[in-house]
Amino acid sequence: MQDNKLIAEFMGLPEQNNAYENPYSGEYIEAIELSYDESWDWLMPVILKLSPLTECGIKIQRNETIESAYSFVVKFIKEHNEVDRLVYLSKYTCDSCGDRTDRVAFNEDKDINECMDCI
């Protein structure tokens, strides 16, 4: 159930009183009723949303089980969320490249703060 909630949040499903909007009916349902782990109809939109975030896209084999695809999706989202959290925790934004970083230095020639890669 926790993993289905993780996917629902990644997909941006509206939440109201610990219930999520069913993308097919528009009704709010309990987290236990989310069917990402049971239905290809629920899981495939998640895979399509994840695909551009991977280097080579996500390829589903004809004999792929929903369990293995679901497991991959959950693992990928957890790793993706961890990377986003670490980026968010970076304190500074480089004025040259726009990356977030823990450390910047003032570049007097350009009169801006830059990360170590841009200096």
PDB file of N, CA and C in Angstrom:
ATOM      1  N   MET A   1       0.831  -1.194   0.000  1.00  0.00           N
ATOM      2  CA  MET A   1       0.000   0.000   0.000  1.00  0.00           C
ATOM      3  C   MET A   1       0.875   1.257   0.000  1.00  0.00           C
ATOM      4  N   GLN A   2       1.970   1.256   0.765  1.00  0.00           N
ATOM      5  CA  GLN A   2       2.859   2.413   0.798  1.00  0.00           C
ATOM      6  C   GLN A   2       3.438   2.703  -0.581  1.00  0.00           C
ATOM      7  N   ASP A   3       3.792   1.646  -1.305  1.00  0.00           N
ATOM      8  CA  ASP A   3       4.368   1.852  -2.629  1.00  0.00           C
ATOM      9  C   ASP A   3       3.337   2.410  -3.603  1.00  0.00           C
ATOM     10  N   ASN A   4       2.086   1.998  -3.474  1.00  0.00           N
ATOM     11  CA  ASN A   4       1.034   2.557  -4.323  1.00  0.00           C
ATOM     12  C   ASN A   4       0.825   4.043  -4.010  1.00  0.00           C
ATOM     13  N   LYS A   5       0.932   4.416  -2.736  1.00  0.00           N
ATOM     14  CA  LYS A   5       0.836   5.830  -2.365  1.00  0.00           C
ATOM     15  C   LYS A   5       2.013   6.612  -2.954  1.00  0.00           C
ATOM     16  N   LEU A   6       3.199   6.011  -2.916  1.00  0.00           N
ATOM     17  CA  LEU A   6       4.383   6.633  -3.501  1.00  0.00           C
ATOM     18  C   LEU A   6       4.156   6.923  -4.986  1.00  0.00           C
ATOM     19  N   ILE A   7       3.609   5.955  -5.699  1.00  0.00           N
ATOM     20  CA  ILE A   7       3.337   6.128  -7.127  1.00  0.00           C
ATOM     21  C   ILE A   7       2.260   7.191  -7.342  1.00  0.00           C
ATOM     22  N   ALA A   8       1.206   7.161  -6.537  1.00  0.00           N
ATOM     23  CA  ALA A   8       0.127   8.146  -6.673  1.00  0.00           C
ATOM     24  C   ALA A   8       0.663   9.565  -6.496  1.00  0.00           C
ATOM     25  N   GLU A   9       1.557   9.740  -5.531  1.00  0.00           N
ATOM     26  CA  GLU A   9       2.140  11.065  -5.308  1.00  0.00           C
ATOM     27  C   GLU A   9       3.043  11.459  -6.471  1.00  0.00           C
ATOM     28  N   PHE A  10       3.813  10.502  -6.990  1.00  0.00           N
ATOM     29  CA  PHE A  10       4.663  10.780  -8.149  1.00  0.00           C
ATOM     30  C   PHE A  10       3.810  11.185  -9.353  1.00  0.00           C
ATOM     31  N   MET A  11       2.686  10.534  -9.521  1.00  0.00           N
ATOM     32  CA  MET A  11       1.801  10.838 -10.649  1.00  0.00           C
ATOM     33  C   MET A  11       1.007  12.129 -10.441  1.00  0.00           C
ATOM     34  N   GLY A  12       1.081  12.678  -9.236  1.00  0.00           N
ATOM     35  CA  GLY A  12       0.392  13.939  -8.960  1.00  0.00           C
ATOM     36  C   GLY A  12      -1.106  13.787  -8.776  1.00  0.00           C
ATOM     37  N   LEU A  13      -1.540  12.605  -8.330  1.00  0.00           N
ATOM     38  CA  LEU A  13      -2.974  12.430  -8.097  1.00  0.00           C
ATOM     39  C   LEU A  13      -3.412  13.343  -6.957  1.00  0.00           C
ATOM     40  N   PRO A  14      -4.488  14.073  -7.145  1.00  0.00           N
ATOM     41  CA  PRO A  14      -4.986  14.907  -6.056  1.00  0.00           C
ATOM     42  C   PRO A  14      -5.331  14.045  -4.839  1.00  0.00           C
ATOM     43  N   GLU A  15      -5.002  14.560  -3.648  1.00  0.00           N
ATOM     44  CA  GLU A  15      -5.268  13.843  -2.404  1.00  0.00           C
ATOM     45  C   GLU A  15      -6.203  14.673  -1.550  1.00  0.00           C
ATOM     46  N   GLN A  16      -7.132  13.977  -0.897  1.00  0.00           N
ATOM     47  CA  GLN A  16      -8.091  14.653  -0.038  1.00  0.00           C
ATOM     48  C   GLN A  16      -8.432  13.704   1.104  1.00  0.00           C
ATOM     49  N   ASN A  17      -8.132  14.110   2.322  1.00  0.00           N
ATOM     50  CA  ASN A  17      -8.424  13.291   3.508  1.00  0.00           C
ATOM     51  C   ASN A  17      -7.875  11.874   3.382  1.00  0.00           C
ATOM     52  N   ASN A  18      -6.615  11.747   3.005  1.00  0.00           N
ATOM     53  CA  ASN A  18      -5.939  10.444   2.842  1.00  0.00           C
ATOM     54  C   ASN A  18      -6.576   9.557   1.777  1.00  0.00           C
ATOM     55  N   ALA A  19      -7.281  10.153   0.850  1.00  0.00           N
ATOM     56  CA  ALA A  19      -7.836   9.425  -0.291  1.00  0.00           C
ATOM     57  C   ALA A  19      -7.303  10.090  -1.558  1.00  0.00           C
ATOM     58  N   TYR A  20      -7.156   9.283  -2.601  1.00  0.00           N
ATOM     59  CA  TYR A  20      -6.594   9.779  -3.857  1.00  0.00           C
ATOM     60  C   TYR A  20      -7.650   9.738  -4.951  1.00  0.00           C
ATOM     61  N   GLU A  21      -7.543  10.693  -5.868  1.00  0.00           N
ATOM     62  CA  GLU A  21      -8.495  10.727  -6.977  1.00  0.00           C
ATOM     63  C   GLU A  21      -8.194   9.594  -7.950  1.00  0.00           C
ATOM     64  N   ASN A  22      -9.180   8.796  -8.218  1.00  0.00           N
ATOM     65  CA  ASN A  22      -9.058   7.721  -9.197  1.00  0.00           C
ATOM     66  C   ASN A  22      -8.965   8.377 -10.578  1.00  0.00           C
ATOM     67  N   PRO A  23      -7.860   8.127 -11.315  1.00  0.00           N
ATOM     68  CA  PRO A  23      -7.697   8.791 -12.611  1.00  0.00           C
ATOM     69  C   PRO A  23      -8.715   8.345 -13.655  1.00  0.00           C
ATOM     70  N   TYR A  24      -9.416   7.268 -13.399  1.00  0.00           N
ATOM     71  CA  TYR A  24     -10.389   6.747 -14.371  1.00  0.00           C
ATOM     72  C   TYR A  24     -11.813   7.176 -14.065  1.00  0.00           C
ATOM     73  N   SER A  25     -12.165   7.277 -12.769  1.00  0.00           N
ATOM     74  CA  SER A  25     -13.547   7.629 -12.432  1.00  0.00           C
ATOM     75  C   SER A  25     -13.678   9.044 -11.872  1.00  0.00           C
ATOM     76  N   GLY A  26     -12.558   9.604 -11.394  1.00  0.00           N
ATOM     77  CA  GLY A  26     -12.613  10.925 -10.781  1.00  0.00           C
ATOM     78  C   GLY A  26     -13.056  10.900  -9.328  1.00  0.00           C
ATOM     79  N   GLU A  27     -13.469   9.734  -8.834  1.00  0.00           N
ATOM     80  CA  GLU A  27     -13.874   9.612  -7.436  1.00  0.00           C
ATOM     81  C   GLU A  27     -12.644   9.457  -6.549  1.00  0.00           C
ATOM     82  N   TYR A  28     -12.762   9.836  -5.296  1.00  0.00           N
ATOM     83  CA  TYR A  28     -11.671   9.655  -4.350  1.00  0.00           C
ATOM     84  C   TYR A  28     -11.775   8.261  -3.732  1.00  0.00           C
ATOM     85  N   ILE A  29     -10.620   7.584  -3.711  1.00  0.00           N
ATOM     86  CA  ILE A  29     -10.579   6.217  -3.197  1.00  0.00           C
ATOM     87  C   ILE A  29      -9.484   6.101  -2.134  1.00  0.00           C
ATOM     88  N   GLU A  30      -9.637   5.127  -1.261  1.00  0.00           N
ATOM     89  CA  GLU A  30      -8.627   4.854  -0.238  1.00  0.00           C
ATOM     90  C   GLU A  30      -7.344   4.383  -0.909  1.00  0.00           C
ATOM     91  N   ALA A  31      -6.231   4.594  -0.239  1.00  0.00           N
ATOM     92  CA  ALA A  31      -4.940   4.182  -0.796  1.00  0.00           C
ATOM     93  C   ALA A  31      -4.910   2.681  -1.082  1.00  0.00           C
ATOM     94  N   ILE A  32      -5.598   1.907  -0.289  1.00  0.00           N
ATOM     95  CA  ILE A  32      -5.604   0.453  -0.480  1.00  0.00           C
ATOM     96  C   ILE A  32      -6.282   0.056  -1.801  1.00  0.00           C
ATOM     97  N   GLU A  33      -7.079   0.956  -2.358  1.00  0.00           N
ATOM     98  CA  GLU A  33      -7.777   0.671  -3.614  1.00  0.00           C
ATOM     99  C   GLU A  33      -6.972   1.066  -4.855  1.00  0.00           C
ATOM    100  N   LEU A  34      -5.841   1.736  -4.659  1.00  0.00           N
ATOM    101  CA  LEU A  34      -4.983   2.069  -5.794  1.00  0.00           C
ATOM    102  C   LEU A  34      -4.481   0.770  -6.408  1.00  0.00           C
ATOM    103  N   SER A  35      -4.525   0.649  -7.713  1.00  0.00           N
ATOM    104  CA  SER A  35      -4.277  -0.643  -8.368  1.00  0.00           C
ATOM    105  C   SER A  35      -3.005  -0.698  -9.197  1.00  0.00           C
ATOM    106  N   TYR A  36      -2.002   0.109  -8.858  1.00  0.00           N
ATOM    107  CA  TYR A  36      -0.765   0.100  -9.640  1.00  0.00           C
ATOM    108  C   TYR A  36      -0.088  -1.267  -9.633  1.00  0.00           C
ATOM    109  N   ASP A  37      -0.238  -2.002  -8.557  1.00  0.00           N
ATOM    110  CA  ASP A  37       0.414  -3.303  -8.429  1.00  0.00           C
ATOM    111  C   ASP A  37      -0.393  -4.446  -9.045  1.00  0.00           C
ATOM    112  N   GLU A  38      -1.602  -4.155  -9.520  1.00  0.00           N
ATOM    113  CA  GLU A  38      -2.484  -5.207 -10.030  1.00  0.00           C
ATOM    114  C   GLU A  38      -2.925  -5.014 -11.473  1.00  0.00           C
ATOM    115  N   SER A  39      -2.821  -3.815 -11.982  1.00  0.00           N
ATOM    116  CA  SER A  39      -3.421  -3.518 -13.282  1.00  0.00           C
ATOM    117  C   SER A  39      -2.428  -2.825 -14.211  1.00  0.00           C
ATOM    118  N   TRP A  40      -2.277  -3.395 -15.405  1.00  0.00           N
ATOM    119  CA  TRP A  40      -1.440  -2.741 -16.420  1.00  0.00           C
ATOM    120  C   TRP A  40      -2.046  -1.405 -16.815  1.00  0.00           C
ATOM    121  N   ASP A  41      -3.379  -1.279 -16.772  1.00  0.00           N
ATOM    122  CA  ASP A  41      -4.027  -0.004 -17.101  1.00  0.00           C
ATOM    123  C   ASP A  41      -3.590   1.110 -16.152  1.00  0.00           C
ATOM    124  N   TRP A  42      -3.336   0.771 -14.914  1.00  0.00           N
ATOM    125  CA  TRP A  42      -2.866   1.753 -13.943  1.00  0.00           C
ATOM    126  C   TRP A  42      -1.354   1.969 -14.070  1.00  0.00           C
ATOM    127  N   LEU A  43      -0.611   0.894 -14.303  1.00  0.00           N
ATOM    128  CA  LEU A  43       0.846   0.974 -14.267  1.00  0.00           C
ATOM    129  C   LEU A  43       1.450   1.593 -15.533  1.00  0.00           C
ATOM    130  N   MET A  44       0.857   1.347 -16.681  1.00  0.00           N
ATOM    131  CA  MET A  44       1.453   1.838 -17.929  1.00  0.00           C
ATOM    132  C   MET A  44       1.583   3.366 -17.998  1.00  0.00           C
ATOM    133  N   PRO A  45       0.618   4.156 -17.535  1.00  0.00           N
ATOM    134  CA  PRO A  45       0.830   5.608 -17.553  1.00  0.00           C
ATOM    135  C   PRO A  45       2.027   6.036 -16.689  1.00  0.00           C
ATOM    136  N   VAL A  46       2.295   5.285 -15.624  1.00  0.00           N
ATOM    137  CA  VAL A  46       3.452   5.580 -14.776  1.00  0.00           C
ATOM    138  C   VAL A  46       4.730   5.293 -15.555  1.00  0.00           C
ATOM    139  N   ILE A  47       4.762   4.164 -16.223  1.00  0.00           N
ATOM    140  CA  ILE A  47       5.936   3.787 -17.027  1.00  0.00           C
ATOM    141  C   ILE A  47       6.169   4.818 -18.125  1.00  0.00           C
ATOM    142  N   LEU A  48       5.117   5.290 -18.759  1.00  0.00           N
ATOM    143  CA  LEU A  48       5.252   6.308 -19.799  1.00  0.00           C
ATOM    144  C   LEU A  48       5.776   7.624 -19.230  1.00  0.00           C
ATOM    145  N   LYS A  49       5.373   7.968 -18.003  1.00  0.00           N
ATOM    146  CA  LYS A  49       5.872   9.198 -17.382  1.00  0.00           C
ATOM    147  C   LYS A  49       7.335   9.042 -16.961  1.00  0.00           C
ATOM    148  N   LEU A  50       7.725   7.852 -16.556  1.00  0.00           N
ATOM    149  CA  LEU A  50       9.110   7.603 -16.139  1.00  0.00           C
ATOM    150  C   LEU A  50      10.067   7.531 -17.316  1.00  0.00           C
ATOM    151  N   SER A  51       9.596   7.058 -18.438  1.00  0.00           N
ATOM    152  CA  SER A  51      10.461   6.771 -19.571  1.00  0.00           C
ATOM    153  C   SER A  51      11.369   7.933 -19.971  1.00  0.00           C
ATOM    154  N   PRO A  52      10.872   9.165 -20.068  1.00  0.00           N
ATOM    155  CA  PRO A  52      11.779  10.265 -20.440  1.00  0.00           C
ATOM    156  C   PRO A  52      12.831  10.578 -19.368  1.00  0.00           C
ATOM    157  N   LEU A  53      12.626  10.101 -18.148  1.00  0.00           N
ATOM    158  CA  LEU A  53      13.573  10.371 -17.071  1.00  0.00           C
ATOM    159  C   LEU A  53      14.755   9.406 -17.082  1.00  0.00           C
ATOM    160  N   THR A  54      14.660   8.344 -17.873  1.00  0.00           N
ATOM    161  CA  THR A  54      15.747   7.375 -17.961  1.00  0.00           C
ATOM    162  C   THR A  54      16.579   7.673 -19.198  1.00  0.00           C
ATOM    163  N   GLU A  55      17.787   7.160 -19.226  1.00  0.00           N
ATOM    164  CA  GLU A  55      18.676   7.421 -20.361  1.00  0.00           C
ATOM    165  C   GLU A  55      18.175   6.783 -21.650  1.00  0.00           C
ATOM    166  N   CYS A  56      17.672   5.580 -21.557  1.00  0.00           N
ATOM    167  CA  CYS A  56      17.271   4.833 -22.761  1.00  0.00           C
ATOM    168  C   CYS A  56      15.779   4.570 -22.817  1.00  0.00           C
ATOM    169  N   GLY A  57      15.011   5.175 -21.944  1.00  0.00           N
ATOM    170  CA  GLY A  57      13.594   4.860 -21.894  1.00  0.00           C
ATOM    171  C   GLY A  57      13.390   3.555 -21.147  1.00  0.00           C
ATOM    172  N   ILE A  58      12.168   3.151 -21.019  1.00  0.00           N
ATOM    173  CA  ILE A  58      11.840   1.900 -20.336  1.00  0.00           C
ATOM    174  C   ILE A  58      11.218   0.975 -21.353  1.00  0.00           C
ATOM    175  N   LYS A  59      11.760  -0.201 -21.449  1.00  0.00           N
ATOM    176  CA  LYS A  59      11.226  -1.177 -22.392  1.00  0.00           C
ATOM    177  C   LYS A  59      10.583  -2.315 -21.613  1.00  0.00           C
ATOM    178  N   ILE A  60       9.343  -2.602 -21.929  1.00  0.00           N
ATOM    179  CA  ILE A  60       8.624  -3.703 -21.297  1.00  0.00           C
ATOM    180  C   ILE A  60       8.610  -4.873 -22.273  1.00  0.00           C
ATOM    181  N   GLN A  61       9.070  -6.003 -21.817  1.00  0.00           N
ATOM    182  CA  GLN A  61       9.085  -7.211 -22.647  1.00  0.00           C
ATOM    183  C   GLN A  61       7.694  -7.834 -22.671  1.00  0.00           C
ATOM    184  N   ARG A  62       7.399  -8.579 -23.714  1.00  0.00           N
ATOM    185  CA  ARG A  62       6.088  -9.230 -23.823  1.00  0.00           C
ATOM    186  C   ARG A  62       5.799 -10.162 -22.651  1.00  0.00           C
ATOM    187  N   ASN A  63       6.830 -10.830 -22.158  1.00  0.00           N
ATOM    188  CA  ASN A  63       6.626 -11.786 -21.073  1.00  0.00           C
ATOM    189  C   ASN A  63       6.875 -11.167 -19.693  1.00  0.00           C
ATOM    190  N   GLU A  64       7.012  -9.868 -19.626  1.00  0.00           N
ATOM    191  CA  GLU A  64       7.250  -9.180 -18.357  1.00  0.00           C
ATOM    192  C   GLU A  64       6.032  -9.345 -17.453  1.00  0.00           C
ATOM    193  N   THR A  65       6.281  -9.669 -16.202  1.00  0.00           N
ATOM    194  CA  THR A  65       5.169  -9.762 -15.252  1.00  0.00           C
ATOM    195  C   THR A  65       4.897  -8.385 -14.675  1.00  0.00           C
ATOM    196  N   ILE A  66       3.685  -8.176 -14.257  1.00  0.00           N
ATOM    197  CA  ILE A  66       3.344  -6.886 -13.649  1.00  0.00           C
ATOM    198  C   ILE A  66       4.122  -6.704 -12.353  1.00  0.00           C
ATOM    199  N   GLU A  67       4.414  -7.805 -11.668  1.00  0.00           N
ATOM    200  CA  GLU A  67       5.166  -7.720 -10.418  1.00  0.00           C
ATOM    201  C   GLU A  67       6.567  -7.159 -10.651  1.00  0.00           C
ATOM    202  N   SER A  68       7.245  -7.648 -11.691  1.00  0.00           N
ATOM    203  CA  SER A  68       8.604  -7.158 -11.945  1.00  0.00           C
ATOM    204  C   SER A  68       8.590  -5.717 -12.455  1.00  0.00           C
ATOM    205  N   ALA A  69       7.619  -5.363 -13.287  1.00  0.00           N
ATOM    206  CA  ALA A  69       7.513  -3.987 -13.775  1.00  0.00           C
ATOM    207  C   ALA A  69       7.181  -3.044 -12.619  1.00  0.00           C
ATOM    208  N   TYR A  70       6.277  -3.463 -11.755  1.00  0.00           N
ATOM    209  CA  TYR A  70       5.892  -2.665 -10.591  1.00  0.00           C
ATOM    210  C   TYR A  70       7.098  -2.456  -9.675  1.00  0.00           C
ATOM    211  N   SER A  71       7.844  -3.514  -9.442  1.00  0.00           N
ATOM    212  CA  SER A  71       9.034  -3.442  -8.593  1.00  0.00           C
ATOM    213  C   SER A  71      10.045  -2.452  -9.165  1.00  0.00           C
ATOM    214  N   PHE A  72      10.253  -2.490 -10.482  1.00  0.00           N
ATOM    215  CA  PHE A  72      11.169  -1.553 -11.133  1.00  0.00           C
ATOM    216  C   PHE A  72      10.685  -0.117 -10.947  1.00  0.00           C
ATOM    217  N   VAL A  73       9.393   0.111 -11.160  1.00  0.00           N
ATOM    218  CA  VAL A  73       8.812   1.456 -11.056  1.00  0.00           C
ATOM    219  C   VAL A  73       9.009   2.008  -9.640  1.00  0.00           C
ATOM    220  N   VAL A  74       8.716   1.194  -8.635  1.00  0.00           N
ATOM    221  CA  VAL A  74       8.849   1.642  -7.244  1.00  0.00           C
ATOM    222  C   VAL A  74      10.306   1.990  -6.940  1.00  0.00           C
ATOM    223  N   LYS A  75      11.226   1.118  -7.344  1.00  0.00           N
ATOM    224  CA  LYS A  75      12.644   1.360  -7.100  1.00  0.00           C
ATOM    225  C   LYS A  75      13.100   2.645  -7.801  1.00  0.00           C
ATOM    226  N   PHE A  76      12.683   2.826  -9.042  1.00  0.00           N
ATOM    227  CA  PHE A  76      13.083   4.006  -9.803  1.00  0.00           C
ATOM    228  C   PHE A  76      12.552   5.281  -9.145  1.00  0.00           C
ATOM    229  N   ILE A  77      11.293   5.284  -8.737  1.00  0.00           N
ATOM    230  CA  ILE A  77      10.704   6.477  -8.121  1.00  0.00           C
ATOM    231  C   ILE A  77      11.412   6.807  -6.809  1.00  0.00           C
ATOM    232  N   LYS A  78      11.722   5.789  -6.017  1.00  0.00           N
ATOM    233  CA  LYS A  78      12.431   6.036  -4.756  1.00  0.00           C
ATOM    234  C   LYS A  78      13.793   6.669  -5.019  1.00  0.00           C
ATOM    235  N   GLU A  79      14.526   6.151  -6.001  1.00  0.00           N
ATOM    236  CA  GLU A  79      15.829   6.721  -6.339  1.00  0.00           C
ATOM    237  C   GLU A  79      15.681   8.132  -6.896  1.00  0.00           C
ATOM    238  N   HIS A  80      14.680   8.339  -7.738  1.00  0.00           N
ATOM    239  CA  HIS A  80      14.412   9.655  -8.322  1.00  0.00           C
ATOM    240  C   HIS A  80      14.088  10.670  -7.214  1.00  0.00           C
ATOM    241  N   ASN A  81      13.258  10.268  -6.261  1.00  0.00           N
ATOM    242  CA  ASN A  81      12.895  11.168  -5.162  1.00  0.00           C
ATOM    243  C   ASN A  81      14.103  11.496  -4.293  1.00  0.00           C
ATOM    244  N   GLU A  82      14.990  10.529  -4.087  1.00  0.00           N
ATOM    245  CA  GLU A  82      16.190  10.775  -3.288  1.00  0.00           C
ATOM    246  C   GLU A  82      17.103  11.785  -3.980  1.00  0.00           C
ATOM    247  N   VAL A  83      17.272  11.652  -5.280  1.00  0.00           N
ATOM    248  CA  VAL A  83      18.091  12.606  -6.026  1.00  0.00           C
ATOM    249  C   VAL A  83      17.467  13.998  -5.948  1.00  0.00           C
ATOM    250  N   ASP A  84      16.148  14.084  -6.128  1.00  0.00           N
ATOM    251  CA  ASP A  84      15.474  15.381  -6.033  1.00  0.00           C
ATOM    252  C   ASP A  84      15.647  15.998  -4.653  1.00  0.00           C
ATOM    253  N   ARG A  85      15.582  15.166  -3.612  1.00  0.00           N
ATOM    254  CA  ARG A  85      15.744  15.657  -2.248  1.00  0.00           C
ATOM    255  C   ARG A  85      17.156  16.202  -2.047  1.00  0.00           C
ATOM    256  N   LEU A  86      18.152  15.487  -2.562  1.00  0.00           N
ATOM    257  CA  LEU A  86      19.526  15.942  -2.409  1.00  0.00           C
ATOM    258  C   LEU A  86      19.770  17.236  -3.174  1.00  0.00           C
ATOM    259  N   VAL A  87      19.198  17.352  -4.358  1.00  0.00           N
ATOM    260  CA  VAL A  87      19.339  18.592  -5.127  1.00  0.00           C
ATOM    261  C   VAL A  87      18.670  19.739  -4.384  1.00  0.00           C
ATOM    262  N   TYR A  88      17.498  19.481  -3.825  1.00  0.00           N
ATOM    263  CA  TYR A  88      16.772  20.518  -3.100  1.00  0.00           C
ATOM    264  C   TYR A  88      17.554  20.977  -1.867  1.00  0.00           C
ATOM    265  N   LEU A  89      18.276  20.043  -1.234  1.00  0.00           N
ATOM    266  CA  LEU A  89      19.037  20.380  -0.039  1.00  0.00           C
ATOM    267  C   LEU A  89      20.281  21.207  -0.335  1.00  0.00           C
ATOM    268  N   SER A  90      20.713  21.241  -1.592  1.00  0.00           N
ATOM    269  CA  SER A  90      21.854  22.072  -1.942  1.00  0.00           C
ATOM    270  C   SER A  90      21.507  23.520  -1.622  1.00  0.00           C
ATOM    271  N   LYS A  91      22.465  24.231  -1.079  1.00  0.00           N
ATOM    272  CA  LYS A  91      22.182  25.552  -0.531  1.00  0.00           C
ATOM    273  C   LYS A  91      22.209  26.682  -1.547  1.00  0.00           C
ATOM    274  N   TYR A  92      23.025  26.551  -2.569  1.00  0.00           N
ATOM    275  CA  TYR A  92      23.263  27.670  -3.465  1.00  0.00           C
ATOM    276  C   TYR A  92      22.928  27.318  -4.908  1.00  0.00           C
ATOM    277  N   THR A  93      22.651  28.339  -5.684  1.00  0.00           N
ATOM    278  CA  THR A  93      22.446  28.176  -7.115  1.00  0.00           C
ATOM    279  C   THR A  93      23.580  28.891  -7.831  1.00  0.00           C
ATOM    280  N   CYS A  94      24.215  28.185  -8.758  1.00  0.00           N
ATOM    281  CA  CYS A  94      25.281  28.788  -9.552  1.00  0.00           C
ATOM    282  C   CYS A  94      24.650  29.792 -10.511  1.00  0.00           C
ATOM    283  N   ASP A  95      25.171  30.991 -10.542  1.00  0.00           N
ATOM    284  CA  ASP A  95      24.623  32.030 -11.419  1.00  0.00           C
ATOM    285  C   ASP A  95      24.993  31.815 -12.887  1.00  0.00           C
ATOM    286  N   SER A  96      25.961  30.933 -13.169  1.00  0.00           N
ATOM    287  CA  SER A  96      26.331  30.662 -14.562  1.00  0.00           C
ATOM    288  C   SER A  96      25.501  29.529 -15.160  1.00  0.00           C
ATOM    289  N   CYS A  97      25.518  28.361 -14.498  1.00  0.00           N
ATOM    290  CA  CYS A  97      24.853  27.192 -15.082  1.00  0.00           C
ATOM    291  C   CYS A  97      23.477  26.915 -14.483  1.00  0.00           C
ATOM    292  N   GLY A  98      23.185  27.504 -13.328  1.00  0.00           N
ATOM    293  CA  GLY A  98      21.884  27.312 -12.709  1.00  0.00           C
ATOM    294  C   GLY A  98      21.788  26.070 -11.837  1.00  0.00           C
ATOM    295  N   ASP A  99      22.865  25.270 -11.749  1.00  0.00           N
ATOM    296  CA  ASP A  99      22.845  24.070 -10.912  1.00  0.00           C
ATOM    297  C   ASP A  99      22.841  24.462  -9.438  1.00  0.00           C
ATOM    298  N   ARG A 100      22.210  23.588  -8.625  1.00  0.00           N
ATOM    299  CA  ARG A 100      22.244  23.781  -7.178  1.00  0.00           C
ATOM    300  C   ARG A 100      23.488  23.081  -6.657  1.00  0.00           C
ATOM    301  N   THR A 101      24.133  23.678  -5.680  1.00  0.00           N
ATOM    302  CA  THR A 101      25.392  23.150  -5.165  1.00  0.00           C
ATOM    303  C   THR A 101      25.555  23.504  -3.696  1.00  0.00           C
ATOM    304  N   ASP A 102      26.458  22.793  -3.030  1.00  0.00           N
ATOM    305  CA  ASP A 102      26.750  23.079  -1.638  1.00  0.00           C
ATOM    306  C   ASP A 102      27.743  24.224  -1.491  1.00  0.00           C
ATOM    307  N   ARG A 103      28.451  24.541  -2.587  1.00  0.00           N
ATOM    308  CA  ARG A 103      29.537  25.505  -2.489  1.00  0.00           C
ATOM    309  C   ARG A 103      29.628  26.351  -3.752  1.00  0.00           C
ATOM    310  N   VAL A 104      29.702  27.636  -3.574  1.00  0.00           N
ATOM    311  CA  VAL A 104      29.941  28.536  -4.697  1.00  0.00           C
ATOM    312  C   VAL A 104      31.082  29.467  -4.318  1.00  0.00           C
ATOM    313  N   ALA A 105      31.677  30.051  -5.312  1.00  0.00           N
ATOM    314  CA  ALA A 105      32.717  31.051  -5.086  1.00  0.00           C
ATOM    315  C   ALA A 105      32.353  32.288  -5.894  1.00  0.00           C
ATOM    316  N   PHE A 106      32.705  33.427  -5.377  1.00  0.00           N
ATOM    317  CA  PHE A 106      32.415  34.674  -6.069  1.00  0.00           C
ATOM    318  C   PHE A 106      33.435  34.885  -7.172  1.00  0.00           C
ATOM    319  N   ASN A 107      32.960  35.053  -8.388  1.00  0.00           N
ATOM    320  CA  ASN A 107      33.824  35.316  -9.534  1.00  0.00           C
ATOM    321  C   ASN A 107      33.822  36.825  -9.770  1.00  0.00           C
ATOM    322  N   GLU A 108      34.926  37.465  -9.409  1.00  0.00           N
ATOM    323  CA  GLU A 108      35.005  38.926  -9.516  1.00  0.00           C
ATOM    324  C   GLU A 108      34.935  39.421 -10.951  1.00  0.00           C
ATOM    325  N   ASP A 109      35.463  38.614 -11.896  1.00  0.00           N
ATOM    326  CA  ASP A 109      35.440  39.036 -13.303  1.00  0.00           C
ATOM    327  C   ASP A 109      34.009  39.160 -13.822  1.00  0.00           C
ATOM    328  N   LYS A 110      33.145  38.253 -13.405  1.00  0.00           N
ATOM    329  CA  LYS A 110      31.762  38.262 -13.882  1.00  0.00           C
ATOM    330  C   LYS A 110      30.799  38.889 -12.877  1.00  0.00           C
ATOM    331  N   ASP A 111      31.282  39.149 -11.665  1.00  0.00           N
ATOM    332  CA  ASP A 111      30.453  39.709 -10.592  1.00  0.00           C
ATOM    333  C   ASP A 111      29.258  38.815 -10.255  1.00  0.00           C
ATOM    334  N   ILE A 112      29.522  37.478 -10.200  1.00  0.00           N
ATOM    335  CA  ILE A 112      28.476  36.504  -9.867  1.00  0.00           C
ATOM    336  C   ILE A 112      29.083  35.372  -9.028  1.00  0.00           C
ATOM    337  N   ASN A 113      28.202  34.624  -8.360  1.00  0.00           N
ATOM    338  CA  ASN A 113      28.613  33.408  -7.656  1.00  0.00           C
ATOM    339  C   ASN A 113      28.565  32.243  -8.620  1.00  0.00           C
ATOM    340  N   GLU A 114      29.619  31.427  -8.612  1.00  0.00           N
ATOM    341  CA  GLU A 114      29.671  30.274  -9.517  1.00  0.00           C
ATOM    342  C   GLU A 114      30.056  29.016  -8.755  1.00  0.00           C
ATOM    343  N   CYS A 115      29.570  27.862  -9.274  1.00  0.00           N
ATOM    344  CA  CYS A 115      29.955  26.580  -8.693  1.00  0.00           C
ATOM    345  C   CYS A 115      31.393  26.261  -9.101  1.00  0.00           C
ATOM    346  N   MET A 116      31.948  25.241  -8.502  1.00  0.00           N
ATOM    347  CA  MET A 116      33.341  24.893  -8.758  1.00  0.00           C
ATOM    348  C   MET A 116      33.560  24.436 -10.217  1.00  0.00           C
ATOM    349  N   ASP A 117      32.520  23.882 -10.856  1.00  0.00           N
ATOM    350  CA  ASP A 117      32.645  23.462 -12.254  1.00  0.00           C
ATOM    351  C   ASP A 117      32.739  24.645 -13.216  1.00  0.00           C
ATOM    352  N   CYS A 118      32.113  25.760 -12.863  1.00  0.00           N
ATOM    353  CA  CYS A 118      32.056  26.909 -13.764  1.00  0.00           C
ATOM    354  C   CYS A 118      33.211  27.883 -13.597  1.00  0.00           C
ATOM    355  N   ILE A 119      33.894  27.798 -12.491  1.00  0.00           N
ATOM    356  CA  ILE A 119      34.994  28.747 -12.246  1.00  0.00           C
ATOM    357  C   ILE A 119      36.164  28.443 -13.149  1.00  0.00           C
TER     358      ILE A 119
END
